[in-house]
Amino acid sequence: MERLSKQQGLFRFEGLPDGVQASVRSGDQGSFLFLLNLNRESVTIPLPQEYNSLLNHSICSGELQLEPYGVEILEM
C-alpha cells in the first residue's frame, strides 16, 4: 500500500486512530492537513513531522491531542 500511495502521489498518514479522518487540501496558498476527531473521547495523534497549526497559531510536533469532535488544520 505504501508503494502504491507514493506512485500515485497520495498522502498516507501512519498511526491514525480509529474514528479520526485526515484529509489534505491543496491550493494556491499551499497544502493543509485537516484532522477531524469523530469520537466521543479525546484522541492522541502521532505526528510524523512538525506542522504549523492554523487554528492555534502554534507549532505542533510529536503528538497532537484532539478533543471529542475536535478539529485541527495543519499547514504542510
PDB file of N, CA and C in Angstrom:
ATOM      1  N   MET A   1       0.821  -1.188   0.000  1.00  0.00           N
ATOM      2  CA  MET A   1       0.000   0.000   0.000  1.00  0.00           C
ATOM      3  C   MET A   1       0.869   1.259   0.000  1.00  0.00           C
ATOM      4  N   GLU A   2       1.956   1.234   0.761  1.00  0.00           N
ATOM      5  CA  GLU A   2       2.831   2.405   0.826  1.00  0.00           C
ATOM      6  C   GLU A   2       3.426   2.721  -0.543  1.00  0.00           C
ATOM      7  N   ARG A   3       3.867   1.685  -1.254  1.00  0.00           N
ATOM      8  CA  ARG A   3       4.464   1.882  -2.580  1.00  0.00           C
ATOM      9  C   ARG A   3       3.423   2.461  -3.541  1.00  0.00           C
ATOM     10  N   LEU A   4       2.227   1.931  -3.511  1.00  0.00           N
ATOM     11  CA  LEU A   4       1.154   2.409  -4.371  1.00  0.00           C
ATOM     12  C   LEU A   4       0.804   3.866  -4.049  1.00  0.00           C
ATOM     13  N   SER A   5       0.758   4.206  -2.772  1.00  0.00           N
ATOM     14  CA  SER A   5       0.467   5.584  -2.371  1.00  0.00           C
ATOM     15  C   SER A   5       1.505   6.543  -2.935  1.00  0.00           C
ATOM     16  N   LYS A   6       2.779   6.174  -2.831  1.00  0.00           N
ATOM     17  CA  LYS A   6       3.847   7.024  -3.348  1.00  0.00           C
ATOM     18  C   LYS A   6       3.770   7.153  -4.860  1.00  0.00           C
ATOM     19  N   GLN A   7       3.500   6.047  -5.548  1.00  0.00           N
ATOM     20  CA  GLN A   7       3.395   6.076  -7.007  1.00  0.00           C
ATOM     21  C   GLN A   7       2.291   7.021  -7.474  1.00  0.00           C
ATOM     22  N   GLN A   8       1.196   7.043  -6.756  1.00  0.00           N
ATOM     23  CA  GLN A   8       0.044   7.848  -7.142  1.00  0.00           C
ATOM     24  C   GLN A   8       0.072   9.259  -6.546  1.00  0.00           C
ATOM     25  N   GLY A   9       1.123   9.558  -5.739  1.00  0.00           N
ATOM     26  CA  GLY A   9       1.221  10.870  -5.116  1.00  0.00           C
ATOM     27  C   GLY A   9       0.180  11.109  -4.037  1.00  0.00           C
ATOM     28  N   LEU A  10      -0.247  10.030  -3.372  1.00  0.00           N
ATOM     29  CA  LEU A  10      -1.252  10.137  -2.322  1.00  0.00           C
ATOM     30  C   LEU A  10      -0.599  10.345  -0.967  1.00  0.00           C
ATOM     31  N   PHE A  11      -1.267  11.113  -0.117  1.00  0.00           N
ATOM     32  CA  PHE A  11      -0.800  11.321   1.251  1.00  0.00           C
ATOM     33  C   PHE A  11      -1.256  10.150   2.103  1.00  0.00           C
ATOM     34  N   ARG A  12      -0.334   9.574   2.857  1.00  0.00           N
ATOM     35  CA  ARG A  12      -0.662   8.451   3.738  1.00  0.00           C
ATOM     36  C   ARG A  12      -0.259   8.820   5.151  1.00  0.00           C
ATOM     37  N   PHE A  13      -1.191   8.737   6.077  1.00  0.00           N
ATOM     38  CA  PHE A  13      -0.960   9.126   7.466  1.00  0.00           C
ATOM     39  C   PHE A  13      -0.887   7.873   8.323  1.00  0.00           C
ATOM     40  N   GLU A  14       0.299   7.530   8.795  1.00  0.00           N
ATOM     41  CA  GLU A  14       0.512   6.337   9.625  1.00  0.00           C
ATOM     42  C   GLU A  14       0.028   6.574  11.056  1.00  0.00           C
ATOM     43  N   GLY A  15      -0.574   5.565  11.650  1.00  0.00           N
ATOM     44  CA  GLY A  15      -0.942   5.611  13.066  1.00  0.00           C
ATOM     45  C   GLY A  15      -2.165   6.439  13.386  1.00  0.00           C
ATOM     46  N   LEU A  16      -2.999   6.687  12.407  1.00  0.00           N
ATOM     47  CA  LEU A  16      -4.206   7.466  12.642  1.00  0.00           C
ATOM     48  C   LEU A  16      -5.190   6.632  13.465  1.00  0.00           C
ATOM     49  N   PRO A  17      -5.642   7.160  14.609  1.00  0.00           N
ATOM     50  CA  PRO A  17      -6.568   6.388  15.454  1.00  0.00           C
ATOM     51  C   PRO A  17      -7.905   6.147  14.756  1.00  0.00           C
ATOM     52  N   ASP A  18      -8.596   5.086  15.178  1.00  0.00           N
ATOM     53  CA  ASP A  18      -9.947   4.830  14.685  1.00  0.00           C
ATOM     54  C   ASP A  18     -10.825   6.036  14.982  1.00  0.00           C
ATOM     55  N   GLY A  19     -11.709   6.359  14.054  1.00  0.00           N
ATOM     56  CA  GLY A  19     -12.626   7.466  14.269  1.00  0.00           C
ATOM     57  C   GLY A  19     -12.057   8.831  13.959  1.00  0.00           C
ATOM     58  N   VAL A  20     -10.850   8.885  13.404  1.00  0.00           N
ATOM     59  CA  VAL A  20     -10.236  10.165  13.035  1.00  0.00           C
ATOM     60  C   VAL A  20     -10.051  10.188  11.529  1.00  0.00           C
ATOM     61  N   GLN A  21     -10.470  11.267  10.921  1.00  0.00           N
ATOM     62  CA  GLN A  21     -10.310  11.446   9.483  1.00  0.00           C
ATOM     63  C   GLN A  21      -9.188  12.433   9.213  1.00  0.00           C
ATOM     64  N   ALA A  22      -8.390  12.139   8.200  1.00  0.00           N
ATOM     65  CA  ALA A  22      -7.336  13.043   7.750  1.00  0.00           C
ATOM     66  C   ALA A  22      -7.560  13.310   6.271  1.00  0.00           C
ATOM     67  N   SER A  23      -7.491  14.570   5.915  1.00  0.00           N
ATOM     68  CA  SER A  23      -7.711  14.953   4.521  1.00  0.00           C
ATOM     69  C   SER A  23      -6.757  16.082   4.179  1.00  0.00           C
ATOM     70  N   VAL A  24      -6.142  16.011   2.994  1.00  0.00           N
ATOM     71  CA  VAL A  24      -5.242  17.066   2.538  1.00  0.00           C
ATOM     72  C   VAL A  24      -5.947  17.874   1.468  1.00  0.00           C
ATOM     73  N   ARG A  25      -5.874  19.170   1.607  1.00  0.00           N
ATOM     74  CA  ARG A  25      -6.401  20.099   0.613  1.00  0.00           C
ATOM     75  C   ARG A  25      -5.251  20.981   0.154  1.00  0.00           C
ATOM     76  N   SER A  26      -5.138  21.148  -1.160  1.00  0.00           N
ATOM     77  CA  SER A  26      -4.063  21.964  -1.722  1.00  0.00           C
ATOM     78  C   SER A  26      -4.648  23.031  -2.626  1.00  0.00           C
ATOM     79  N   GLY A  27      -3.981  24.177  -2.642  1.00  0.00           N
ATOM     80  CA  GLY A  27      -4.407  25.282  -3.489  1.00  0.00           C
ATOM     81  C   GLY A  27      -3.276  26.263  -3.681  1.00  0.00           C
ATOM     82  N   ASP A  28      -3.609  27.447  -4.136  1.00  0.00           N
ATOM     83  CA  ASP A  28      -2.612  28.477  -4.397  1.00  0.00           C
ATOM     84  C   ASP A  28      -1.833  28.880  -3.149  1.00  0.00           C
ATOM     85  N   GLN A  29      -2.438  28.741  -1.980  1.00  0.00           N
ATOM     86  CA  GLN A  29      -1.802  29.176  -0.741  1.00  0.00           C
ATOM     87  C   GLN A  29      -1.071  28.055  -0.017  1.00  0.00           C
ATOM     88  N   GLY A  30      -0.994  26.874  -0.628  1.00  0.00           N
ATOM     89  CA  GLY A  30      -0.265  25.761  -0.032  1.00  0.00           C
ATOM     90  C   GLY A  30      -1.130  24.539   0.188  1.00  0.00           C
ATOM     91  N   SER A  31      -0.580  23.594   0.966  1.00  0.00           N
ATOM     92  CA  SER A  31      -1.287  22.351   1.296  1.00  0.00           C
ATOM     93  C   SER A  31      -1.576  22.320   2.790  1.00  0.00           C
ATOM     94  N   PHE A  32      -2.757  21.823   3.121  1.00  0.00           N
ATOM     95  CA  PHE A  32      -3.206  21.819   4.508  1.00  0.00           C
ATOM     96  C   PHE A  32      -3.778  20.453   4.864  1.00  0.00           C
ATOM     97  N   LEU A  33      -3.452  19.995   6.064  1.00  0.00           N
ATOM     98  CA  LEU A  33      -3.924  18.724   6.589  1.00  0.00           C
ATOM     99  C   LEU A  33      -5.060  19.001   7.569  1.00  0.00           C
ATOM    100  N   PHE A  34      -6.238  18.492   7.245  1.00  0.00           N
ATOM    101  CA  PHE A  34      -7.404  18.634   8.112  1.00  0.00           C
ATOM    102  C   PHE A  34      -7.558  17.352   8.906  1.00  0.00           C
ATOM    103  N   LEU A  35      -7.609  17.457  10.226  1.00  0.00           N
ATOM    104  CA  LEU A  35      -7.816  16.312  11.113  1.00  0.00           C
ATOM    105  C   LEU A  35      -9.128  16.501  11.849  1.00  0.00           C
ATOM    106  N   LEU A  36      -9.987  15.485  11.784  1.00  0.00           N
ATOM    107  CA  LEU A  36     -11.288  15.538  12.438  1.00  0.00           C
ATOM    108  C   LEU A  36     -11.462  14.330  13.350  1.00  0.00           C
ATOM    109  N   ASN A  37     -11.729  14.587  14.620  1.00  0.00           N
ATOM    110  CA  ASN A  37     -11.992  13.518  15.575  1.00  0.00           C
ATOM    111  C   ASN A  37     -13.502  13.306  15.639  1.00  0.00           C
ATOM    112  N   LEU A  38     -13.961  12.174  15.146  1.00  0.00           N
ATOM    113  CA  LEU A  38     -15.383  11.863  15.141  1.00  0.00           C
ATOM    114  C   LEU A  38     -15.799  11.026  16.352  1.00  0.00           C
ATOM    115  N   ASN A  39     -14.911  10.926  17.335  1.00  0.00           N
ATOM    116  CA  ASN A  39     -15.143  10.130  18.543  1.00  0.00           C
ATOM    117  C   ASN A  39     -15.745  10.961  19.668  1.00  0.00           C
ATOM    118  N   ARG A  40     -16.360  10.262  20.611  1.00  0.00           N
ATOM    119  CA  ARG A  40     -16.868  10.900  21.830  1.00  0.00           C
ATOM    120  C   ARG A  40     -15.776  11.093  22.871  1.00  0.00           C
ATOM    121  N   GLU A  41     -14.592  10.567  22.589  1.00  0.00           N
ATOM    122  CA  GLU A  41     -13.463  10.679  23.511  1.00  0.00           C
ATOM    123  C   GLU A  41     -12.321  11.434  22.835  1.00  0.00           C
ATOM    124  N   SER A  42     -11.439  11.993  23.645  1.00  0.00           N
ATOM    125  CA  SER A  42     -10.226  12.621  23.135  1.00  0.00           C
ATOM    126  C   SER A  42      -9.328  11.556  22.523  1.00  0.00           C
ATOM    127  N   VAL A  43      -8.532  11.937  21.552  1.00  0.00           N
ATOM    128  CA  VAL A  43      -7.599  11.010  20.917  1.00  0.00           C
ATOM    129  C   VAL A  43      -6.219  11.670  20.841  1.00  0.00           C
ATOM    130  N   THR A  44      -5.205  10.816  20.782  1.00  0.00           N
ATOM    131  CA  THR A  44      -3.832  11.270  20.590  1.00  0.00           C
ATOM    132  C   THR A  44      -3.400  10.833  19.200  1.00  0.00           C
ATOM    133  N   ILE A  45      -2.909  11.784  18.430  1.00  0.00           N
ATOM    134  CA  ILE A  45      -2.500  11.519  17.054  1.00  0.00           C
ATOM    135  C   ILE A  45      -0.986  11.713  16.959  1.00  0.00           C
ATOM    136  N   PRO A  46      -0.255  10.671  16.562  1.00  0.00           N
ATOM    137  CA  PRO A  46       1.189  10.819  16.382  1.00  0.00           C
ATOM    138  C   PRO A  46       1.471  11.632  15.116  1.00  0.00           C
ATOM    139  N   LEU A  47       2.335  12.622  15.240  1.00  0.00           N
ATOM    140  CA  LEU A  47       2.679  13.456  14.090  1.00  0.00           C
ATOM    141  C   LEU A  47       4.050  13.052  13.559  1.00  0.00           C
ATOM    142  N   PRO A  48       4.136  12.735  12.264  1.00  0.00           N
ATOM    143  CA  PRO A  48       5.405  12.283  11.690  1.00  0.00           C
ATOM    144  C   PRO A  48       6.421  13.398  11.495  1.00  0.00           C
ATOM    145  N   GLN A  49       5.970  14.648  11.595  1.00  0.00           N
ATOM    146  CA  GLN A  49       6.867  15.786  11.422  1.00  0.00           C
ATOM    147  C   GLN A  49       6.277  16.988  12.152  1.00  0.00           C
ATOM    148  N   GLU A  50       6.941  18.112  12.062  1.00  0.00           N
ATOM    149  CA  GLU A  50       6.476  19.341  12.685  1.00  0.00           C
ATOM    150  C   GLU A  50       5.525  20.065  11.726  1.00  0.00           C
ATOM    151  N   TYR A  51       4.444  20.596  12.269  1.00  0.00           N
ATOM    152  CA  TYR A  51       3.457  21.323  11.475  1.00  0.00           C
ATOM    153  C   TYR A  51       3.117  22.640  12.159  1.00  0.00           C
ATOM    154  N   ASN A  52       2.646  23.603  11.367  1.00  0.00           N
ATOM    155  CA  ASN A  52       2.100  24.850  11.900  1.00  0.00           C
ATOM    156  C   ASN A  52       0.593  24.685  12.021  1.00  0.00           C
ATOM    157  N   SER A  53       0.057  24.956  13.219  1.00  0.00           N
ATOM    158  CA  SER A  53      -1.383  24.901  13.437  1.00  0.00           C
ATOM    159  C   SER A  53      -1.994  26.221  12.992  1.00  0.00           C
ATOM    160  N   LEU A  54      -2.964  26.156  12.098  1.00  0.00           N
ATOM    161  CA  LEU A  54      -3.637  27.371  11.657  1.00  0.00           C
ATOM    162  C   LEU A  54      -4.698  27.831  12.646  1.00  0.00           C
ATOM    163  N   LEU A  55      -5.205  26.923  13.463  1.00  0.00           N
ATOM    164  CA  LEU A  55      -6.239  27.289  14.426  1.00  0.00           C
ATOM    165  C   LEU A  55      -5.664  27.828  15.731  1.00  0.00           C
ATOM    166  N   ASN A  56      -4.526  27.272  16.154  1.00  0.00           N
ATOM    167  CA  ASN A  56      -3.918  27.676  17.431  1.00  0.00           C
ATOM    168  C   ASN A  56      -2.721  28.598  17.264  1.00  0.00           C
ATOM    169  N   HIS A  57      -2.301  28.824  16.030  1.00  0.00           N
ATOM    170  CA  HIS A  57      -1.129  29.657  15.739  1.00  0.00           C
ATOM    171  C   HIS A  57       0.087  29.206  16.543  1.00  0.00           C
ATOM    172  N   SER A  58       0.329  27.891  16.494  1.00  0.00           N
ATOM    173  CA  SER A  58       1.452  27.313  17.227  1.00  0.00           C
ATOM    174  C   SER A  58       2.084  26.211  16.378  1.00  0.00           C
ATOM    175  N   ILE A  59       3.241  25.731  16.843  1.00  0.00           N
ATOM    176  CA  ILE A  59       3.932  24.617  16.199  1.00  0.00           C
ATOM    177  C   ILE A  59       3.475  23.328  16.871  1.00  0.00           C
ATOM    178  N   CYS A  60       3.106  22.330  16.081  1.00  0.00           N
ATOM    179  CA  CYS A  60       2.716  21.011  16.607  1.00  0.00           C
ATOM    180  C   CYS A  60       3.763  19.990  16.184  1.00  0.00           C
ATOM    181  N   SER A  61       4.233  19.203  17.140  1.00  0.00           N
ATOM    182  CA  SER A  61       5.180  18.133  16.833  1.00  0.00           C
ATOM    183  C   SER A  61       5.007  17.012  17.851  1.00  0.00           C
ATOM    184  N   GLY A  62       5.462  15.820  17.481  1.00  0.00           N
ATOM    185  CA  GLY A  62       5.375  14.673  18.392  1.00  0.00           C
ATOM    186  C   GLY A  62       3.995  14.065  18.396  1.00  0.00           C
ATOM    187  N   GLU A  63       3.126  14.611  19.246  1.00  0.00           N
ATOM    188  CA  GLU A  63       1.747  14.125  19.350  1.00  0.00           C
ATOM    189  C   GLU A  63       0.793  15.307  19.408  1.00  0.00           C
ATOM    190  N   LEU A  64      -0.393  15.068  18.899  1.00  0.00           N
ATOM    191  CA  LEU A  64      -1.442  16.082  18.918  1.00  0.00           C
ATOM    192  C   LEU A  64      -2.648  15.510  19.639  1.00  0.00           C
ATOM    193  N   GLN A  65      -3.168  16.243  20.606  1.00  0.00           N
ATOM    194  CA  GLN A  65      -4.387  15.846  21.312  1.00  0.00           C
ATOM    195  C   GLN A  65      -5.581  16.529  20.661  1.00  0.00           C
ATOM    196  N   LEU A  66      -6.582  15.724  20.281  1.00  0.00           N
ATOM    197  CA  LEU A  66      -7.824  16.283  19.755  1.00  0.00           C
ATOM    198  C   LEU A  66      -8.957  15.945  20.713  1.00  0.00           C
ATOM    199  N   GLU A  67      -9.695  16.961  21.110  1.00  0.00           N
ATOM    200  CA  GLU A  67     -10.839  16.788  21.995  1.00  0.00           C
ATOM    201  C   GLU A  67     -11.939  16.017  21.266  1.00  0.00           C
ATOM    202  N   PRO A  68     -12.953  15.531  21.996  1.00  0.00           N
ATOM    203  CA  PRO A  68     -14.078  14.876  21.325  1.00  0.00           C
ATOM    204  C   PRO A  68     -14.664  15.793  20.253  1.00  0.00           C
ATOM    205  N   TYR A  69     -14.847  15.267  19.067  1.00  0.00           N
ATOM    206  CA  TYR A  69     -15.371  16.001  17.913  1.00  0.00           C
ATOM    207  C   TYR A  69     -14.508  17.210  17.543  1.00  0.00           C
ATOM    208  N   GLY A  70     -13.232  17.150  17.928  1.00  0.00           N
ATOM    209  CA  GLY A  70     -12.319  18.260  17.671  1.00  0.00           C
ATOM    210  C   GLY A  70     -11.798  18.280  16.243  1.00  0.00           C
ATOM    211  N   VAL A  71     -11.313  19.449  15.850  1.00  0.00           N
ATOM    212  CA  VAL A  71     -10.780  19.681  14.509  1.00  0.00           C
ATOM    213  C   VAL A  71      -9.445  20.398  14.631  1.00  0.00           C
ATOM    214  N   GLU A  72      -8.528  20.082  13.750  1.00  0.00           N
ATOM    215  CA  GLU A  72      -7.258  20.796  13.651  1.00  0.00           C
ATOM    216  C   GLU A  72      -6.931  20.952  12.175  1.00  0.00           C
ATOM    217  N   ILE A  73      -6.332  22.090  11.834  1.00  0.00           N
ATOM    218  CA  ILE A  73      -5.862  22.332  10.467  1.00  0.00           C
ATOM    219  C   ILE A  73      -4.381  22.645  10.553  1.00  0.00           C
ATOM    220  N   LEU A  74      -3.591  21.813   9.880  1.00  0.00           N
ATOM    221  CA  LEU A  74      -2.136  21.951   9.927  1.00  0.00           C
ATOM    222  C   LEU A  74      -1.597  22.306   8.556  1.00  0.00           C
ATOM    223  N   GLU A  75      -0.687  23.267   8.538  1.00  0.00           N
ATOM    224  CA  GLU A  75      -0.033  23.642   7.278  1.00  0.00           C
ATOM    225  C   GLU A  75       1.065  22.639   6.986  1.00  0.00           C
ATOM    226  N   MET A  76       1.078  22.128   5.761  1.00  0.00           N
ATOM    227  CA  MET A  76       2.050  21.102   5.407  1.00  0.00           C
ATOM    228  C   MET A  76       3.290  21.701   4.769  1.00  0.00           C
TER     229      MET A  76
END
